[in-house]
Amino acid sequence: MRVSLQHVSHDYAGTEDSAATHVLEDVSLEIADGDFAILMGASGSGKSTLLNLIGAVDRPTAGSVFLDDVNTSLLRESGLTKLRRESIGFVFQFFNLIPTLDVYENVSFPLSLSRAKSIRERVEAALAEVGLAHRARHFPNELSGGEMQRVAIARALIHRPRLLLADEPTGNLDSRNGTMILDLIRSLREKHRPTIVMATHSDRAAAYGDYVIQIADGRIAP
């Protein structure tokens, strides 16, 4: 999936006691179909906001976000929901697993929302890919941090998205587990060929991408 941002800005509305917060300002970038792009910058630079805009979670205050030829800025909420459900996978720093569901149920959850067919076969295949078939009936509190992130990756890829967004996926892991997750993302990229956009502040993580887009103070750094 091709990603294009054209003169995108994003503000968070102010209150009676505070002015609006300018998070992104006049951001333009192009990410080709199948690329593994790295968004790199310090905390507060705007990386997560940029991922949310690319992933159709937020709308820009100004400018346009295109996924292939679709201007997501113009879609209604129902259209955004359909796009996210069918074409975009998300991986977060803190895993965002549902604690009351076991591993199998966490991974199958996106498919149950879309009424997909062959759910069991697809979940079993996804868990096998991330090396957790034997943990299918365990709950998140019974897993290590690395295992929880592998479950999150299986869940993100279960509907075979064309775009995978990862927000500091190793930020809550030790070095060993972080390397394992990065190796897994790279191997899944080689197998399934999604476009990947990963936000990080780590040089080690950034080395896994095809190229780095530096962000500083809400702008693309020269």
Protein backbone atom coordinates (compact mmCIF):
# COMPACT_ATOMS: atom_id res chain seq x y z
CA MET A 1 0.00 0.00 0.00
CA ARG A 2 1.34 3.40 -1.00
CA VAL A 3 1.29 6.17 1.65
CA SER A 4 1.28 9.85 0.73
CA LEU A 5 0.96 12.85 3.04
CA GLN A 6 0.51 16.26 1.44
CA HIS A 7 1.09 19.34 3.59
CA VAL A 8 -0.38 17.70 6.69
CA SER A 9 -0.73 19.59 9.96
CA HIS A 10 -2.39 18.44 13.15
CA ASP A 11 -3.43 20.41 16.23
CA TYR A 12 -5.01 19.34 19.47
CA ALA A 13 -7.77 21.74 20.43
CA GLY A 14 -7.14 24.08 23.31
CA THR A 15 -9.36 24.81 26.28
CA GLU A 16 -10.52 28.01 27.92
CA ASP A 17 -7.27 28.06 29.88
CA SER A 18 -4.81 26.90 27.21
CA ALA A 19 -4.06 27.43 23.55
CA ALA A 20 -4.21 24.72 20.90
CA THR A 21 -1.19 22.42 20.71
CA HIS A 22 0.55 22.22 17.34
CA VAL A 23 1.83 18.66 16.95
CA LEU A 24 2.58 18.40 13.22
CA GLU A 25 3.17 21.22 10.78
CA ASP A 26 3.23 21.01 6.97
CA VAL A 27 4.40 17.39 6.75
CA SER A 28 4.74 15.91 3.26
CA LEU A 29 6.15 12.46 2.60
CA GLU A 30 5.87 9.49 0.25
CA ILE A 31 6.25 5.82 1.20
CA ALA A 32 6.14 3.37 -1.69
CA ASP A 33 4.18 0.12 -1.69
CA GLY A 34 6.19 -2.56 0.14
CA ASP A 35 8.67 -0.18 1.79
CA PHE A 36 9.80 -0.57 5.41
CA ALA A 37 9.98 3.08 6.54
CA ILE A 38 11.24 4.27 9.91
CA LEU A 39 9.86 7.35 11.64
CA MET A 40 12.59 8.46 14.01
CA GLY A 41 12.62 11.23 16.56
CA ALA A 42 12.66 12.06 20.24
CA SER A 43 9.65 11.66 22.50
CA GLY A 44 7.13 14.38 21.69
CA SER A 45 8.41 14.88 18.15
CA GLY A 46 5.09 13.84 16.61
CA LYS A 47 5.85 10.23 15.59
CA SER A 48 2.80 8.65 17.21
CA THR A 49 0.48 11.36 15.92
CA LEU A 50 1.84 10.83 12.42
CA LEU A 51 1.20 7.08 12.70
CA ASN A 52 -2.36 7.75 13.86
CA LEU A 53 -2.95 9.96 10.83
CA ILE A 54 -1.49 7.38 8.44
CA GLY A 55 -3.59 4.69 10.12
CA ALA A 56 -6.84 6.69 9.78
CA VAL A 57 -7.25 6.85 13.56
CA ASP A 58 -7.13 10.67 13.52
CA ARG A 59 -7.90 13.22 10.83
CA PRO A 60 -5.45 16.00 9.94
CA THR A 61 -6.27 19.59 10.84
CA ALA A 62 -5.00 20.56 7.40
CA GLY A 63 -3.66 18.72 4.38
CA SER A 64 -4.44 15.29 2.96
CA VAL A 65 -3.51 11.68 3.74
CA PHE A 66 -3.68 9.20 0.87
CA LEU A 67 -3.51 5.40 1.11
CA ASP A 68 -3.04 4.36 -2.50
CA ASP A 69 -5.51 6.67 -4.24
CA VAL A 70 -7.92 7.02 -1.31
CA ASN A 71 -7.96 10.38 0.46
CA THR A 72 -8.70 9.19 3.99
CA SER A 73 -9.33 12.77 5.09
CA LEU A 74 -12.58 12.69 3.09
CA LEU A 75 -13.92 9.33 4.30
CA ARG A 76 -16.83 9.06 6.69
CA GLU A 77 -16.33 7.20 9.97
CA SER A 78 -17.84 4.02 8.49
CA GLY A 79 -15.36 4.19 5.64
CA LEU A 80 -12.43 4.73 8.00
CA THR A 81 -13.52 1.79 10.14
CA LYS A 82 -13.74 -0.47 7.09
CA LEU A 83 -10.32 0.66 5.88
CA ARG A 84 -8.68 0.00 9.26
CA ARG A 85 -10.39 -3.35 9.64
CA GLU A 86 -9.50 -4.66 6.21
CA SER A 87 -6.21 -3.05 5.25
CA ILE A 88 -4.26 -1.81 8.29
CA GLY A 89 -2.58 -3.63 11.19
CA PHE A 90 -1.37 -1.91 14.37
CA VAL A 91 1.36 -2.93 16.85
CA PHE A 92 1.78 -0.86 20.02
CA GLN A 93 4.51 -0.44 22.62
CA PHE A 94 2.32 -1.75 25.45
CA PHE A 95 0.78 -4.63 23.44
CA ASN A 96 -2.90 -3.63 24.03
CA LEU A 97 -4.02 -7.22 24.52
CA ILE A 98 -7.43 -7.82 26.11
CA PRO A 99 -6.61 -9.34 29.54
CA THR A 100 -9.82 -11.36 29.84
CA LEU A 101 -9.22 -13.14 26.51
CA ASP A 102 -6.68 -15.89 25.96
CA VAL A 103 -4.08 -15.80 23.21
CA TYR A 104 -6.31 -17.51 20.64
CA GLU A 105 -9.19 -15.16 21.39
CA ASN A 106 -6.99 -12.05 21.25
CA VAL A 107 -5.68 -13.01 17.82
CA SER A 108 -9.08 -14.03 16.47
CA PHE A 109 -10.84 -10.90 17.74
CA PRO A 110 -10.37 -8.78 14.57
CA LEU A 111 -11.72 -11.63 12.44
CA SER A 112 -14.78 -12.06 14.61
CA LEU A 113 -15.57 -8.37 14.08
CA SER A 114 -15.44 -8.79 10.30
CA ARG A 115 -17.25 -12.15 10.23
CA ALA A 116 -14.36 -13.71 8.35
CA LYS A 117 -14.38 -17.35 7.32
CA SER A 118 -11.88 -20.05 8.30
CA ILE A 119 -11.07 -18.27 11.55
CA ARG A 120 -9.58 -21.29 13.32
CA GLU A 121 -7.22 -22.14 10.47
CA ARG A 122 -6.05 -18.55 10.13
CA VAL A 123 -5.46 -18.07 13.85
CA GLU A 124 -3.55 -21.32 14.14
CA ALA A 125 -1.41 -20.36 11.16
CA ALA A 126 -0.72 -16.88 12.59
CA LEU A 127 0.28 -18.27 15.98
CA ALA A 128 2.55 -20.81 14.31
CA GLU A 129 4.25 -18.00 12.38
CA VAL A 130 5.12 -16.15 15.59
CA GLY A 131 6.09 -19.37 17.41
CA LEU A 132 3.23 -19.39 19.92
CA ALA A 133 0.95 -22.22 18.81
CA HIS A 134 1.64 -23.93 22.14
CA ARG A 135 0.43 -20.88 24.10
CA ALA A 136 -2.96 -20.50 22.43
CA ARG A 137 -4.97 -21.05 25.61
CA HIS A 138 -2.82 -18.96 27.93
CA PHE A 139 -3.87 -15.51 29.09
CA PRO A 140 -1.76 -12.34 28.73
CA ASN A 141 -0.76 -12.33 32.40
CA GLU A 142 0.81 -15.76 31.86
CA LEU A 143 3.11 -14.52 29.09
CA SER A 144 6.43 -12.72 29.01
CA GLY A 145 6.69 -9.27 27.44
CA GLY A 146 8.23 -10.73 24.29
CA GLU A 147 5.46 -13.30 24.01
CA MET A 148 2.77 -10.64 24.45
CA GLN A 149 4.28 -8.60 21.64
CA ARG A 150 4.39 -11.68 19.40
CA VAL A 151 0.68 -12.20 20.10
CA ALA A 152 0.08 -8.54 19.23
CA ILE A 153 1.93 -9.00 15.93
CA ALA A 154 -0.10 -12.12 15.10
CA ARG A 155 -3.29 -10.15 15.83
CA ALA A 156 -2.12 -7.23 13.67
CA LEU A 157 -1.42 -9.52 10.72
CA ILE A 158 -4.40 -11.88 11.09
CA HIS A 159 -6.48 -10.06 8.46
CA ARG A 160 -3.50 -9.87 6.08
CA PRO A 161 -3.20 -6.07 6.04
CA ARG A 162 -1.43 -4.26 3.26
CA LEU A 163 -0.12 -1.67 5.75
CA LEU A 164 1.46 -2.47 9.13
CA LEU A 165 2.03 0.37 11.61
CA ALA A 166 4.28 -0.22 14.62
CA ASP A 167 4.64 2.36 17.40
CA GLU A 168 7.82 1.72 19.42
CA PRO A 169 7.23 -2.07 19.30
CA THR A 170 10.41 -2.80 21.28
CA GLY A 171 10.14 0.14 23.69
CA ASN A 172 8.78 -2.00 26.53
CA LEU A 173 11.14 -4.95 26.02
CA ASP A 174 14.66 -5.87 27.06
CA SER A 175 17.39 -6.05 24.42
CA ARG A 176 17.05 -9.79 23.78
CA ASN A 177 13.28 -9.75 23.31
CA GLY A 178 13.48 -6.50 21.35
CA THR A 179 15.85 -8.11 18.85
CA MET A 180 13.56 -11.13 18.60
CA ILE A 181 10.59 -8.90 17.77
CA LEU A 182 12.52 -6.92 15.16
CA ASP A 183 13.74 -10.13 13.54
CA LEU A 184 10.16 -11.41 13.49
CA ILE A 185 8.83 -8.23 11.87
CA ARG A 186 11.55 -8.43 9.23
CA SER A 187 10.84 -12.09 8.47
CA LEU A 188 7.09 -11.49 8.22
CA ARG A 189 7.76 -8.53 5.94
CA GLU A 190 9.78 -10.75 3.62
CA LYS A 191 7.00 -13.34 3.56
CA HIS A 192 3.88 -11.15 3.27
CA ARG A 193 5.30 -7.91 1.77
CA PRO A 194 3.14 -5.34 3.57
CA THR A 195 4.18 -1.72 3.65
CA ILE A 196 5.57 -1.12 7.15
CA VAL A 197 5.89 2.19 8.97
CA MET A 198 7.60 1.90 12.35
CA ALA A 199 8.12 4.71 14.85
CA THR A 200 11.17 4.45 17.09
CA HIS A 201 13.85 6.47 18.82
CA SER A 202 16.28 3.53 18.76
CA ASP A 203 19.18 3.42 16.29
CA ARG A 204 19.23 -0.37 16.62
CA ALA A 205 15.56 -0.68 15.65
CA ALA A 206 15.92 1.88 12.86
CA ALA A 207 18.59 -0.26 11.19
CA TYR A 208 15.91 -2.81 10.27
CA GLY A 209 14.12 -0.41 7.92
CA ASP A 210 14.83 0.52 4.33
CA TYR A 211 15.27 4.20 5.20
CA VAL A 212 14.71 6.69 8.02
CA ILE A 213 12.41 9.72 8.07
CA GLN A 214 13.62 12.06 10.79
CA ILE A 215 11.01 14.05 12.69
CA ALA A 216 11.79 16.98 14.96
CA ASP A 217 9.29 19.34 16.57
CA GLY A 218 6.46 18.19 14.34
CA ARG A 219 8.32 18.64 11.06
CA ILE A 220 10.30 16.42 8.70
CA ALA A 221 13.93 17.19 9.43
CA PRO A 222 16.11 18.08 6.45
